[in-house]
C-alpha atoms as a PDB file:
ATOM      1  CA  MET A   1       8.876 -26.907  43.178  1.00  0.00           C
ATOM      2  CA  ARG A   2      12.226 -26.336  44.097  1.00  0.00           C
ATOM      3  CA  LEU A   3      12.204 -22.619  42.916  1.00  0.00           C
ATOM      4  CA  LYS A   4       9.447 -22.256  45.569  1.00  0.00           C
ATOM      5  CA  HIS A   5      11.239 -23.758  48.648  1.00  0.00           C
ATOM      6  CA  LEU A   6      14.908 -22.167  47.994  1.00  0.00           C
ATOM      7  CA  THR A   7      12.635 -18.560  47.992  1.00  0.00           C
ATOM      8  CA  ARG A   8      10.412 -19.387  50.911  1.00  0.00           C
ATOM      9  CA  ALA A   9      13.506 -20.322  52.938  1.00  0.00           C
ATOM     10  CA  ALA A  10      15.192 -16.966  51.644  1.00  0.00           C
ATOM     11  CA  ALA A  11      12.580 -14.804  52.626  1.00  0.00           C
ATOM     12  CA  ILE A  12      12.122 -16.537  56.316  1.00  0.00           C
ATOM     13  CA  ALA A  13      15.639 -16.157  56.793  1.00  0.00           C
ATOM     14  CA  GLY A  14      15.372 -12.329  55.830  1.00  0.00           C
ATOM     15  CA  ALA A  15      12.252 -11.655  57.346  1.00  0.00           C
ATOM     16  CA  VAL A  16      13.374  -9.904  60.963  1.00  0.00           C
ATOM     17  CA  ALA A  17      13.804  -6.058  59.654  1.00  0.00           C
ATOM     18  CA  VAL A  18      15.733  -4.010  61.469  1.00  0.00           C
ATOM     19  CA  PRO A  19      14.331  -1.099  62.976  1.00  0.00           C
ATOM     20  CA  LEU A  20      15.371   2.564  61.986  1.00  0.00           C
ATOM     21  CA  SER A  21      16.429   3.990  65.020  1.00  0.00           C
ATOM     22  CA  LEU A  22      16.048   8.184  65.380  1.00  0.00           C
ATOM     23  CA  GLY A  23      17.481  10.103  68.095  1.00  0.00           C
ATOM     24  CA  LEU A  24      16.998  12.906  68.895  1.00  0.00           C
ATOM     25  CA  THR A  25      18.950  16.297  68.590  1.00  0.00           C
ATOM     26  CA  PRO A  26      18.788  19.053  71.870  1.00  0.00           C
ATOM     27  CA  GLY A  27      16.081  21.044  70.048  1.00  0.00           C
ATOM     28  CA  GLY A  28      14.133  17.836  69.830  1.00  0.00           C
ATOM     29  CA  ALA A  29      14.126  16.958  66.082  1.00  0.00           C
ATOM     30  CA  PRO A  30      15.145  13.224  65.263  1.00  0.00           C
ATOM     31  CA  GLU A  31      19.246  13.267  64.159  1.00  0.00           C
ATOM     32  CA  ALA A  32      17.701  11.534  60.785  1.00  0.00           C
ATOM     33  CA  MET A  33      15.726  14.706  59.625  1.00  0.00           C
ATOM     34  CA  ALA A  34      18.980  17.214  60.194  1.00  0.00           C
ATOM     35  CA  SER A  35      20.399  15.751  56.879  1.00  0.00           C
ATOM     36  CA  PRO A  36      18.070  13.814  55.434  1.00  0.00           C
ATOM     37  CA  GLY A  37      19.524  13.236  51.894  1.00  0.00           C
ATOM     38  CA  PRO A  38      17.537  11.434  49.305  1.00  0.00           C
ATOM     39  CA  ALA A  39      15.666   8.416  50.694  1.00  0.00           C
ATOM     40  CA  SER A  40      15.772   5.057  49.185  1.00  0.00           C
ATOM     41  CA  SER A  41      12.989   3.069  49.035  1.00  0.00           C
ATOM     42  CA  ALA A  42      10.967  -0.340  47.557  1.00  0.00           C
ATOM     43  CA  PHE A  43       7.972  -2.510  46.832  1.00  0.00           C
ATOM     44  CA  GLY A  44       6.915  -5.973  45.930  1.00  0.00           C
ATOM     45  CA  LEU A  45       3.991  -4.872  43.974  1.00  0.00           C
ATOM     46  CA  SER A  46       1.209  -1.956  43.296  1.00  0.00           C
ATOM     47  CA  ALA A  47      -1.618  -1.870  41.358  1.00  0.00           C
ATOM     48  CA  SER A  48      -3.415   1.098  39.741  1.00  0.00           C
ATOM     49  CA  GLY A  49      -6.717   1.043  37.897  1.00  0.00           C
ATOM     50  CA  PRO A  50     -10.092  -0.326  38.844  1.00  0.00           C
ATOM     51  CA  VAL A  51      -8.356  -2.595  41.422  1.00  0.00           C
ATOM     52  CA  ALA A  52      -5.559  -0.586  43.710  1.00  0.00           C
ATOM     53  CA  LEU A  53      -3.631  -2.446  45.675  1.00  0.00           C
ATOM     54  CA  PRO A  54      -0.604   0.109  47.699  1.00  0.00           C
ATOM     55  CA  PRO A  55       2.845  -0.346  47.548  1.00  0.00           C
ATOM     56  CA  THR A  56       2.646  -3.925  49.563  1.00  0.00           C
ATOM     57  CA  PRO A  57       5.229  -5.172  51.319  1.00  0.00           C
ATOM     58  CA  ALA A  58       6.780  -1.154  51.254  1.00  0.00           C
ATOM     59  CA  VAL A  59      10.195   0.339  53.029  1.00  0.00           C
ATOM     60  CA  ALA A  60      11.918   3.245  52.783  1.00  0.00           C
ATOM     61  CA  SER A  61      15.362   4.746  54.209  1.00  0.00           C
ATOM     62  CA  THR A  62      17.728   7.640  54.697  1.00  0.00           C
ATOM     63  CA  GLY A  63      20.349   5.830  56.857  1.00  0.00           C
ATOM     64  CA  ALA A  64      20.133   2.060  58.282  1.00  0.00           C
ATOM     65  CA  GLY A  65      19.116  -0.576  56.858  1.00  0.00           C
ATOM     66  CA  THR A  66      15.098  -1.433  57.100  1.00  0.00           C
ATOM     67  CA  SER A  67      13.707  -4.719  55.609  1.00  0.00           C
ATOM     68  CA  ARG A  68       9.897  -6.062  55.077  1.00  0.00           C
ATOM     69  CA  SER A  69       8.838  -9.165  54.084  1.00  0.00           C
ATOM     70  CA  LEU A  70       5.053 -11.057  53.161  1.00  0.00           C
ATOM     71  CA  ALA A  71       3.978 -14.517  52.682  1.00  0.00           C
ATOM     72  CA  GLU A  72       1.629 -14.316  50.277  1.00  0.00           C
ATOM     73  CA  LEU A  73      -0.358 -10.995  48.685  1.00  0.00           C
ATOM     74  CA  PRO A  74      -3.833 -10.313  50.410  1.00  0.00           C
ATOM     75  CA  ALA A  75      -6.240 -11.884  47.776  1.00  0.00           C
ATOM     76  CA  ASN A  76      -7.346  -9.374  44.877  1.00  0.00           C
ATOM     77  CA  PRO A  77      -9.317 -10.304  41.410  1.00  0.00           C
ATOM     78  CA  VAL A  78      -6.159  -9.722  39.079  1.00  0.00           C
ATOM     79  CA  VAL A  79      -2.920 -10.544  40.686  1.00  0.00           C
ATOM     80  CA  GLN A  80      -1.320 -13.405  42.418  1.00  0.00           C
ATOM     81  CA  ALA A  81       1.990 -13.556  44.323  1.00  0.00           C
ATOM     82  CA  ARG A  82       4.024 -14.639  47.391  1.00  0.00           C
ATOM     83  CA  VAL A  83       7.214 -14.116  49.182  1.00  0.00           C
ATOM     84  CA  LEU A  84       7.819 -10.621  48.562  1.00  0.00           C
ATOM     85  CA  ASN A  85      10.676  -8.970  49.677  1.00  0.00           C
ATOM     86  CA  ALA A  86      11.440  -5.730  49.930  1.00  0.00           C
ATOM     87  CA  SER A  87      14.468  -3.433  51.525  1.00  0.00           C
ATOM     88  CA  ALA A  88      16.217  -0.184  51.945  1.00  0.00           C
ATOM     89  CA  GLY A  89      19.064   1.365  53.384  1.00  0.00           C
ATOM     90  CA  LYS A  90      21.327   4.293  52.217  1.00  0.00           C
ATOM     91  CA  ALA A  91      21.576   4.836  48.608  1.00  0.00           C
ATOM     92  CA  HIS A  92      20.394   0.936  48.014  1.00  0.00           C
ATOM     93  CA  ALA A  93      17.476  -0.897  47.681  1.00  0.00           C
ATOM     94  CA  ARG A  94      16.037  -4.224  46.746  1.00  0.00           C
ATOM     95  CA  ALA A  95      12.677  -5.611  45.980  1.00  0.00           C
ATOM     96  CA  SER A  96      11.763  -9.291  45.070  1.00  0.00           C
ATOM     97  CA  VAL A  97       8.507 -10.941  44.417  1.00  0.00           C
ATOM     98  CA  ALA A  98       7.928 -15.002  43.996  1.00  0.00           C
ATOM     99  CA  ASP A  99       5.115 -16.953  42.084  1.00  0.00           C
ATOM    100  CA  LEU A 100       3.570 -13.817  40.075  1.00  0.00           C
ATOM    101  CA  ALA A 101       0.318 -14.826  38.298  1.00  0.00           C
ATOM    102  CA  VAL A 102      -1.988 -12.502  36.301  1.00  0.00           C
ATOM    103  CA  PRO A 103      -4.268 -14.572  34.783  1.00  0.00           C
ATOM    104  CA  ARG A 104      -5.846 -12.204  32.507  1.00  0.00           C
ATOM    105  CA  ALA A 105      -2.571 -11.130  31.160  1.00  0.00           C
ATOM    106  CA  ALA A 106      -1.076 -14.613  30.894  1.00  0.00           C
ATOM    107  CA  LEU A 107       1.612 -13.298  32.837  1.00  0.00           C
ATOM    108  CA  LYS A 108       3.789 -16.157  35.111  1.00  0.00           C
ATOM    109  CA  ALA A 109       6.744 -15.847  36.300  1.00  0.00           C
ATOM    110  CA  GLY A 110       8.876 -17.719  38.458  1.00  0.00           C
ATOM    111  CA  ALA A 111      10.982 -14.723  40.143  1.00  0.00           C
ATOM    112  CA  VAL A 112      10.941 -11.008  39.876  1.00  0.00           C
ATOM    113  CA  THR A 113      13.737  -9.072  40.888  1.00  0.00           C
ATOM    114  CA  ALA A 114      15.129  -5.362  41.512  1.00  0.00           C
ATOM    115  CA  LYS A 115      17.852  -4.015  42.531  1.00  0.00           C
ATOM    116  CA  CYS A 116      19.581  -0.113  42.950  1.00  0.00           C
ATOM    117  CA  VAL A 117      22.792   0.615  44.327  1.00  0.00           C
ATOM    118  CA  GLY A 118      24.652   4.082  44.575  1.00  0.00           C
ATOM    119  CA  GLY A 119      21.561   4.816  41.459  1.00  0.00           C
ATOM    120  CA  LYS A 120      22.496   2.288  39.871  1.00  0.00           C
ATOM    121  CA  GLY A 121      19.602  -0.203  39.028  1.00  0.00           C
ATOM    122  CA  VAL A 122      19.270  -3.901  37.006  1.00  0.00           C
ATOM    123  CA  SER A 123      16.385  -6.252  37.234  1.00  0.00           C
ATOM    124  CA  ASN A 124      16.254  -9.819  37.122  1.00  0.00           C
ATOM    125  CA  LEU A 125      13.472 -12.201  35.565  1.00  0.00           C
ATOM    126  CA  VAL A 126      13.378 -16.320  36.648  1.00  0.00           C
ATOM    127  CA  GLU A 127      11.026 -18.674  34.384  1.00  0.00           C
ATOM    128  CA  VAL A 128       8.761 -15.490  33.214  1.00  0.00           C
ATOM    129  CA  THR A 129       6.148 -16.117  30.734  1.00  0.00           C
ATOM    130  CA  LEU A 130       3.535 -13.704  28.509  1.00  0.00           C
ATOM    131  CA  ASN A 131       0.969 -15.331  26.659  1.00  0.00           C
ATOM    132  CA  GLY A 132       3.050 -18.742  27.326  1.00  0.00           C
ATOM    133  CA  LYS A 133       5.816 -17.467  25.212  1.00  0.00           C
ATOM    134  CA  PRO A 134       9.269 -16.784  27.502  1.00  0.00           C
ATOM    135  CA  ILE A 135      10.443 -13.702  28.406  1.00  0.00           C
ATOM    136  CA  LYS A 136      14.539 -13.171  28.812  1.00  0.00           C
ATOM    137  CA  ALA A 137      16.332 -13.020  32.150  1.00  0.00           C
ATOM    138  CA  ALA A 138      18.268  -9.702  31.971  1.00  0.00           C
ATOM    139  CA  ALA A 139      16.249  -6.639  29.878  1.00  0.00           C
ATOM    140  CA  ALA A 140      17.986  -3.776  28.766  1.00  0.00           C
ATOM    141  CA  PRO A 141      16.287  -0.349  30.361  1.00  0.00           C
ATOM    142  CA  ASN A 142      13.149   0.286  29.422  1.00  0.00           C
ATOM    143  CA  SER A 143      12.411  -2.811  27.058  1.00  0.00           C
ATOM    144  CA  GLY A 144       8.465  -2.795  25.898  1.00  0.00           C
ATOM    145  CA  LEU A 145       6.686  -5.632  23.948  1.00  0.00           C
ATOM    146  CA  THR A 146       2.972  -6.139  23.768  1.00  0.00           C
ATOM    147  CA  VAL A 147       0.460  -8.687  22.579  1.00  0.00           C
ATOM    148  CA  ARG A 148      -2.995  -8.663  21.797  1.00  0.00           C
ATOM    149  CA  LEU A 149      -4.966 -11.476  23.374  1.00  0.00           C
ATOM    150  CA  ASP A 150      -8.726 -12.908  22.417  1.00  0.00           C
ATOM    151  CA  GLY A 151     -11.206 -11.898  24.787  1.00  0.00           C
ATOM    152  CA  VAL A 152      -8.846  -9.042  26.456  1.00  0.00           C
ATOM    153  CA  GLY A 153      -7.213  -7.028  23.770  1.00  0.00           C
ATOM    154  CA  THR A 154      -3.407  -4.903  24.086  1.00  0.00           C
ATOM    155  CA  VAL A 155      -1.476  -5.805  26.674  1.00  0.00           C
ATOM    156  CA  ALA A 156       1.826  -4.205  27.521  1.00  0.00           C
ATOM    157  CA  LEU A 157       4.924  -4.696  29.340  1.00  0.00           C
ATOM    158  CA  VAL A 158       7.696  -3.172  30.459  1.00  0.00           C
ATOM    159  CA  LEU A 159      10.670  -4.502  31.888  1.00  0.00           C
ATOM    160  CA  ASN A 160      13.728  -3.443  33.554  1.00  0.00           C
ATOM    161  CA  LYS A 161      11.933   0.130  33.556  1.00  0.00           C
ATOM    162  CA  GLN A 162      14.377   2.988  34.974  1.00  0.00           C
ATOM    163  CA  THR A 163      13.494   6.676  35.300  1.00  0.00           C
ATOM    164  CA  ARG A 164      15.638   9.169  37.122  1.00  0.00           C
ATOM    165  CA  ALA A 165      14.378  12.095  39.244  1.00  0.00           C
ATOM    166  CA  SER A 166      15.331  16.064  39.614  1.00  0.00           C
ATOM    167  CA  ASP A 167      17.459  14.724  42.595  1.00  0.00           C
ATOM    168  CA  GLY A 168      19.285  12.038  41.358  1.00  0.00           C
ATOM    169  CA  ARG A 169      17.496   9.156  42.186  1.00  0.00           C
ATOM    170  CA  LEU A 170      16.937   5.959  40.179  1.00  0.00           C
ATOM    171  CA  THR A 171      13.538   3.883  40.081  1.00  0.00           C
ATOM    172  CA  VAL A 172      13.867   0.389  38.649  1.00  0.00           C
ATOM    173  CA  THR A 173      10.926  -1.711  38.293  1.00  0.00           C
ATOM    174  CA  ALA A 174      11.042  -5.193  37.018  1.00  0.00           C
ATOM    175  CA  VAL A 175       8.256  -5.093  35.158  1.00  0.00           C
ATOM    176  CA  GLU A 176       5.341  -3.392  34.954  1.00  0.00           C
ATOM    177  CA  LEU A 177       2.196  -4.463  33.105  1.00  0.00           C
ATOM    178  CA  THR A 178      -0.999  -2.532  31.621  1.00  0.00           C
ATOM    179  CA  LEU A 179      -3.904  -4.308  30.399  1.00  0.00           C
ATOM    180  CA  PRO A 180      -7.234  -3.328  29.219  1.00  0.00           C
ATOM    181  CA  ALA A 181     -10.196  -2.418  31.852  1.00  0.00           C
ATOM    182  CA  GLY A 182     -12.541  -1.144  30.130  1.00  0.00           C
ATOM    183  CA  PRO A 183     -13.474   1.640  27.599  1.00  0.00           C
ATOM    184  CA  GLY A 184     -10.730   4.344  28.225  1.00  0.00           C
ATOM    185  CA  ARG A 185      -9.629   2.207  31.339  1.00  0.00           C
ATOM    186  CA  ASN A 186      -6.081   0.209  32.255  1.00  0.00           C
ATOM    187  CA  GLN A 187      -5.168  -2.311  35.191  1.00  0.00           C
ATOM    188  CA  VAL A 188      -0.849  -0.882  35.508  1.00  0.00           C
ATOM    189  CA  ILE A 189       1.072  -3.516  38.162  1.00  0.00           C
ATOM    190  CA  SER A 190       3.918  -2.605  39.061  1.00  0.00           C
ATOM    191  CA  VAL A 191       6.085  -5.417  40.103  1.00  0.00           C
ATOM    192  CA  ALA A 192       9.358  -5.199  42.131  1.00  0.00           C
ATOM    193  CA  SER A 193      10.244  -1.875  42.411  1.00  0.00           C
ATOM    194  CA  ALA A 194      14.035  -0.015  44.087  1.00  0.00           C
ATOM    195  CA  THR A 195      14.813   3.729  44.797  1.00  0.00           C
ATOM    196  CA  CYS A 196      18.019   4.784  45.807  1.00  0.00           C
ATOM    197  CA  GLY A 197      20.198   8.013  45.401  1.00  0.00           C
ATOM    198  CA  GLN A 198      23.744   8.375  44.360  1.00  0.00           C
ATOM    199  CA  GLY A 199      26.161   7.836  47.333  1.00  0.00           C
ATOM    200  CA  ALA A 200      28.279   5.245  48.873  1.00  0.00           C
ATOM    201  CA  PRO A 201      25.419   2.462  50.063  1.00  0.00           C
ATOM    202  CA  GLN A 202      25.652   1.254  53.793  1.00  0.00           C
ATOM    203  CA  PRO A 203      25.264  -2.546  53.946  1.00  0.00           C
ATOM    204  CA  GLY A 204      21.812  -3.376  54.637  1.00  0.00           C
ATOM    205  CA  PRO A 205      20.096  -6.378  57.192  1.00  0.00           C
ATOM    206  CA  SER A 206      22.312  -9.154  56.725  1.00  0.00           C
ATOM    207  CA  GLN A 207      21.272 -12.791  56.235  1.00  0.00           C
ATOM    208  CA  PRO A 208      22.205 -15.631  57.571  1.00  0.00           C
ATOM    209  CA  GLY A 209      24.340 -18.211  55.136  1.00  0.00           C
ATOM    210  CA  ALA A 210      26.860 -20.711  54.611  1.00  0.00           C
ATOM    211  CA  PRO A 211      30.103 -19.738  55.412  1.00  0.00           C
ATOM    212  CA  GLU A 212      32.615 -19.848  52.805  1.00  0.00           C
ATOM    213  CA  LYS A 213      36.195 -21.863  53.087  1.00  0.00           C
ATOM    214  CA  PRO A 214      38.937 -19.704  53.147  1.00  0.00           C
ATOM    215  CA  GLU A 215      41.132 -19.870  49.759  1.00  0.00           C
ATOM    216  CA  PRO A 216      45.089 -20.253  50.687  1.00  0.00           C
ATOM    217  CA  SER A 217      47.003 -17.506  50.102  1.00  0.00           C
ATOM    218  CA  PRO A 218      50.257 -17.346  47.928  1.00  0.00           C
ATOM    219  CA  SER A 219      53.307 -17.346  49.312  1.00  0.00           C
ATOM    220  CA  ALA A 220      54.910 -13.393  48.912  1.00  0.00           C
ATOM    221  CA  PRO A 221      58.259 -13.632  46.898  1.00  0.00           C
ATOM    222  CA  PRO A 222      61.043 -12.241  49.321  1.00  0.00           C
ATOM    223  CA  SER A 223      61.187  -8.521  50.229  1.00  0.00           C
ATOM    224  CA  THR A 224      63.730  -6.284  48.556  1.00  0.00           C
ATOM    225  CA  SER A 225      63.307  -2.978  49.891  1.00  0.00           C
ATOM    226  CA  PRO A 226      65.793  -2.243  52.021  1.00  0.00           C
ATOM    227  CA  PRO A 227      65.052  -2.103  56.154  1.00  0.00           C
ATOM    228  CA  GLY A 228      62.132   0.791  56.967  1.00  0.00           C
ATOM    229  CA  ALA A 229      60.998   0.971  53.437  1.00  0.00           C
ATOM    230  CA  ALA A 230      57.050   0.816  53.586  1.00  0.00           C
ATOM    231  CA  PRO A 231      55.961  -2.784  51.530  1.00  0.00           C
ATOM    232  CA  VAL A 232      54.738  -2.434  47.959  1.00  0.00           C
ATOM    233  CA  PRO A 233      51.209  -2.452  47.633  1.00  0.00           C
ATOM    234  CA  THR A 234      49.313  -5.375  46.481  1.00  0.00           C
ATOM    235  CA  PRO A 235      46.381  -5.132  44.270  1.00  0.00           C
ATOM    236  CA  VAL A 236      43.263  -7.269  45.792  1.00  0.00           C
ATOM    237  CA  PRO A 237      39.933  -7.739  43.647  1.00  0.00           C
ATOM    238  CA  GLY A 238      36.721  -6.603  44.757  1.00  0.00           C
ATOM    239  CA  ASP A 239      33.344  -6.242  43.197  1.00  0.00           C
ATOM    240  CA  LEU A 240      32.286  -3.881  40.423  1.00  0.00           C
ATOM    241  CA  PRO A 241      29.211  -1.734  40.999  1.00  0.00           C
ATOM    242  CA  VAL A 242      26.090  -2.519  39.947  1.00  0.00           C
ATOM    243  CA  THR A 243      25.325  -1.026  36.401  1.00  0.00           C
ATOM    244  CA  GLY A 244      21.872  -0.552  34.436  1.00  0.00           C
END
């Protein structure tokens, strides 16, 4: 499948993590601890219940960008996934998972992504189906749906789950799945989660990309300003902030 090949190539390109550098103050404490600020964090997938999986892969940072990747989730009885990525830096975080499958819940996904920048989050789904029915790519925050499956019970899904902590940090989880696991017990699986605080983000670990061909600059009209006058500033288009 072309999607799998492209996703694996992206994971290989981003597999080199940038280490979090910590210098020492004269008193011997790390510089990062002097003014930590809200930490950003991300993880690819986690599970709680009868089958527990720690956040995998997981990263956290209060400054310099850091990232981790995993080619395939370790074998377990409830969920399969490949090409798991997580990255975080000052005021930004991102997580993605490819080839997700939860057979007991009849859930499949080609790719799941969550992104948080400056305290605002967004998630995106590619080729996601639940019980054979497609799910839209971009869901509104905290969109919920349920489906009853024979032999399983009621399966609940929360898409683009967003929660705000008391310190202002936002956590966006692209998919949170809850399915029955016996009397009074549930299995919960969280896929692609990113947490960040408000503030100006710093660039994360860079990934190689194809060079872009520069666009020709339009010719500027002759200046009518008197000698020595400052030129009139020209508006420059820029990227809009991510909204949740």
